[in-house]
């Protein structure tokens, strides 16, 4: 009987703890700094958008940027 009472008390504590933590904002993870590749892609795609305006196609620009990155690395 005492075992059931202790278990019941523990369950109530667990429920209260869960209720109190519900709705609290989660802590944000620390972001890593962008890699050289990320920086290159960001600049290249932004330039493509500016230069091509209405003719801009993200898939095409991203593919070209990846090719340019590969050329640049060699």
N, C-alpha and C. Protein backbone atom coordinates (compact mmCIF):
# COMPACT_ATOMS: atom_id res chain seq x y z
N UNK A 1 0.83 -1.19 0.00
CA UNK A 1 0.00 0.00 0.00
C UNK A 1 0.87 1.26 0.00
N UNK A 2 1.92 1.26 0.83
CA UNK A 2 2.81 2.42 0.87
C UNK A 2 3.53 2.61 -0.46
N UNK A 3 3.82 1.49 -1.12
CA UNK A 3 4.49 1.53 -2.41
C UNK A 3 3.60 2.23 -3.45
N UNK A 4 2.30 1.92 -3.43
CA UNK A 4 1.36 2.55 -4.35
C UNK A 4 1.21 4.03 -4.06
N UNK A 5 1.23 4.40 -2.80
CA UNK A 5 1.11 5.80 -2.41
C UNK A 5 2.35 6.58 -2.86
N UNK A 6 3.52 5.99 -2.66
CA UNK A 6 4.76 6.64 -3.08
C UNK A 6 4.79 6.79 -4.60
N UNK A 7 4.34 5.77 -5.30
CA UNK A 7 4.30 5.83 -6.76
C UNK A 7 3.32 6.89 -7.23
N UNK A 8 2.19 6.97 -6.59
CA UNK A 8 1.18 7.97 -6.91
C UNK A 8 1.74 9.37 -6.69
N UNK A 9 2.44 9.57 -5.58
CA UNK A 9 3.03 10.88 -5.30
C UNK A 9 4.07 11.25 -6.36
N UNK A 10 4.87 10.28 -6.74
CA UNK A 10 5.89 10.53 -7.76
C UNK A 10 5.26 10.88 -9.10
N UNK A 11 4.19 10.19 -9.45
CA UNK A 11 3.49 10.48 -10.70
C UNK A 11 2.89 11.88 -10.69
N UNK A 12 2.34 12.27 -9.56
CA UNK A 12 1.78 13.62 -9.44
C UNK A 12 2.87 14.67 -9.59
N UNK A 13 4.02 14.43 -8.99
CA UNK A 13 5.15 15.36 -9.13
C UNK A 13 5.59 15.46 -10.59
N UNK A 14 5.65 14.31 -11.26
CA UNK A 14 6.05 14.30 -12.66
C UNK A 14 5.07 15.08 -13.52
N UNK A 15 3.78 14.90 -13.26
CA UNK A 15 2.75 15.61 -14.02
C UNK A 15 2.87 17.11 -13.79
N UNK A 16 3.05 17.53 -12.55
CA UNK A 16 3.19 18.95 -12.25
C UNK A 16 4.43 19.54 -12.92
N UNK A 17 5.51 18.78 -12.94
CA UNK A 17 6.74 19.24 -13.58
C UNK A 17 6.52 19.42 -15.09
N UNK A 18 5.84 18.46 -15.69
CA UNK A 18 5.55 18.57 -17.11
C UNK A 18 4.65 19.76 -17.41
N UNK A 19 3.64 19.95 -16.59
CA UNK A 19 2.72 21.07 -16.79
C UNK A 19 3.45 22.40 -16.65
N UNK A 20 4.37 22.49 -15.69
CA UNK A 20 5.07 23.75 -15.47
C UNK A 20 6.06 24.05 -16.59
N UNK A 21 6.59 23.01 -17.22
CA UNK A 21 7.55 23.23 -18.30
C UNK A 21 6.85 23.45 -19.64
N UNK A 22 5.58 23.09 -19.75
CA UNK A 22 4.85 23.24 -20.99
C UNK A 22 4.61 24.72 -21.28
N UNK A 23 4.91 25.12 -22.50
CA UNK A 23 4.67 26.50 -22.90
C UNK A 23 5.86 27.41 -22.66
N UNK A 24 6.89 26.94 -22.00
CA UNK A 24 8.07 27.76 -21.80
C UNK A 24 8.86 27.77 -23.10
N UNK A 25 9.47 28.89 -23.42
CA UNK A 25 10.26 28.92 -24.66
C UNK A 25 11.48 27.99 -24.55
N UNK A 26 11.75 27.33 -25.65
CA UNK A 26 12.89 26.44 -25.67
C UNK A 26 14.17 27.27 -25.80
N UNK A 27 15.23 26.76 -25.25
CA UNK A 27 16.49 27.46 -25.39
C UNK A 27 17.01 27.22 -26.80
N UNK A 28 17.55 28.26 -27.39
CA UNK A 28 18.04 28.15 -28.76
C UNK A 28 19.44 27.57 -28.76
N UNK A 29 19.67 26.74 -29.75
CA UNK A 29 21.00 26.17 -29.91
C UNK A 29 21.91 27.23 -30.52
N UNK A 30 23.15 27.13 -30.18
CA UNK A 30 24.12 28.06 -30.73
C UNK A 30 24.37 27.69 -32.19
N UNK A 31 24.29 28.67 -33.06
CA UNK A 31 24.48 28.42 -34.48
C UNK A 31 25.97 28.42 -34.82
N UNK A 32 26.31 27.59 -35.78
CA UNK A 32 27.69 27.58 -36.27
C UNK A 32 27.87 28.73 -37.25
N UNK A 33 29.09 29.18 -37.36
CA UNK A 33 29.40 30.22 -38.33
C UNK A 33 29.29 29.63 -39.73
N UNK A 34 28.84 30.42 -40.70
CA UNK A 34 28.73 29.90 -42.06
C UNK A 34 30.11 29.54 -42.62
N UNK A 35 30.14 28.46 -43.40
CA UNK A 35 31.40 28.03 -44.01
C UNK A 35 31.72 28.93 -45.20
N UNK A 36 32.91 28.76 -45.73
CA UNK A 36 33.31 29.53 -46.92
C UNK A 36 32.36 29.22 -48.08
N UNK A 37 31.96 27.97 -48.20
CA UNK A 37 31.02 27.57 -49.24
C UNK A 37 29.69 28.31 -49.08
N UNK A 38 29.17 28.35 -47.84
CA UNK A 38 27.91 29.04 -47.59
C UNK A 38 28.00 30.52 -47.95
N UNK A 39 29.10 31.13 -47.58
CA UNK A 39 29.30 32.56 -47.88
C UNK A 39 29.36 32.78 -49.39
N UNK A 40 30.12 31.92 -50.09
CA UNK A 40 30.25 32.03 -51.54
C UNK A 40 28.90 31.91 -52.21
N UNK A 41 28.14 30.88 -51.82
CA UNK A 41 26.83 30.64 -52.42
C UNK A 41 25.88 31.81 -52.18
N UNK A 42 25.91 32.34 -50.99
CA UNK A 42 25.03 33.47 -50.65
C UNK A 42 25.33 34.68 -51.54
N UNK A 43 26.58 34.99 -51.69
CA UNK A 43 26.97 36.15 -52.51
C UNK A 43 26.67 35.89 -53.98
N UNK A 44 27.02 34.70 -54.47
CA UNK A 44 26.82 34.38 -55.88
C UNK A 44 25.33 34.44 -56.24
N UNK A 45 24.50 33.86 -55.41
CA UNK A 45 23.06 33.83 -55.71
C UNK A 45 22.46 35.23 -55.61
N UNK A 46 22.90 36.01 -54.64
CA UNK A 46 22.42 37.39 -54.52
C UNK A 46 22.80 38.19 -55.76
N UNK A 47 24.03 38.00 -56.25
CA UNK A 47 24.45 38.70 -57.47
C UNK A 47 23.64 38.24 -58.67
N UNK A 48 23.34 36.96 -58.74
CA UNK A 48 22.53 36.44 -59.85
C UNK A 48 21.14 37.06 -59.84
N UNK A 49 20.55 37.17 -58.66
CA UNK A 49 19.23 37.78 -58.56
C UNK A 49 19.26 39.22 -59.04
N UNK A 50 20.30 39.95 -58.64
CA UNK A 50 20.42 41.36 -59.02
C UNK A 50 20.62 41.50 -60.52
N UNK A 51 21.48 40.68 -61.09
CA UNK A 51 21.81 40.81 -62.51
C UNK A 51 20.70 40.30 -63.42
N UNK A 52 20.06 39.21 -63.07
CA UNK A 52 19.07 38.60 -63.95
C UNK A 52 17.65 39.14 -63.76
N UNK A 53 17.36 39.69 -62.62
CA UNK A 53 16.05 40.26 -62.28
C UNK A 53 14.90 39.29 -62.59
N UNK A 54 14.08 39.56 -63.59
CA UNK A 54 12.90 38.73 -63.88
C UNK A 54 13.26 37.35 -64.45
N UNK A 55 14.43 37.23 -65.03
CA UNK A 55 14.85 35.97 -65.64
C UNK A 55 15.51 35.04 -64.63
N UNK A 56 15.58 35.45 -63.37
CA UNK A 56 16.26 34.67 -62.34
C UNK A 56 15.53 33.35 -62.08
N UNK A 57 16.29 32.25 -62.10
CA UNK A 57 15.77 30.93 -61.77
C UNK A 57 16.70 30.34 -60.71
N UNK A 58 16.16 30.07 -59.54
CA UNK A 58 16.99 29.63 -58.42
C UNK A 58 17.74 28.34 -58.72
N UNK A 59 17.08 27.38 -59.32
CA UNK A 59 17.74 26.10 -59.63
C UNK A 59 18.95 26.31 -60.53
N UNK A 60 18.77 27.11 -61.55
CA UNK A 60 19.85 27.38 -62.49
C UNK A 60 20.98 28.13 -61.79
N UNK A 61 20.63 29.16 -61.03
CA UNK A 61 21.64 29.97 -60.34
C UNK A 61 22.40 29.13 -59.33
N UNK A 62 21.71 28.26 -58.62
CA UNK A 62 22.36 27.41 -57.62
C UNK A 62 23.32 26.44 -58.30
N UNK A 63 22.89 25.86 -59.42
CA UNK A 63 23.76 24.95 -60.17
C UNK A 63 25.00 25.65 -60.67
N UNK A 64 24.83 26.85 -61.21
CA UNK A 64 25.97 27.62 -61.70
C UNK A 64 26.91 27.98 -60.55
N UNK A 65 26.34 28.35 -59.43
CA UNK A 65 27.16 28.71 -58.26
C UNK A 65 27.97 27.50 -57.79
N UNK A 66 27.37 26.33 -57.78
CA UNK A 66 28.08 25.12 -57.36
C UNK A 66 29.23 24.82 -58.31
N UNK A 67 28.99 24.99 -59.63
CA UNK A 67 30.06 24.78 -60.61
C UNK A 67 31.20 25.77 -60.40
N UNK A 68 30.85 27.02 -60.18
CA UNK A 68 31.87 28.06 -59.94
C UNK A 68 32.67 27.77 -58.68
N UNK A 69 32.01 27.28 -57.65
CA UNK A 69 32.71 26.92 -56.42
C UNK A 69 33.72 25.81 -56.68
N UNK A 70 33.32 24.82 -57.47
CA UNK A 70 34.20 23.71 -57.80
C UNK A 70 35.41 24.20 -58.59
N UNK A 71 35.16 25.09 -59.57
CA UNK A 71 36.26 25.65 -60.37
C UNK A 71 37.22 26.43 -59.47
N UNK A 72 36.65 27.21 -58.59
CA UNK A 72 37.44 28.07 -57.70
C UNK A 72 38.31 27.24 -56.76
N UNK A 73 37.78 26.11 -56.31
CA UNK A 73 38.52 25.26 -55.36
C UNK A 73 39.75 24.63 -56.01
N UNK A 74 39.68 24.36 -57.32
CA UNK A 74 40.80 23.68 -58.00
C UNK A 74 41.96 24.57 -58.15
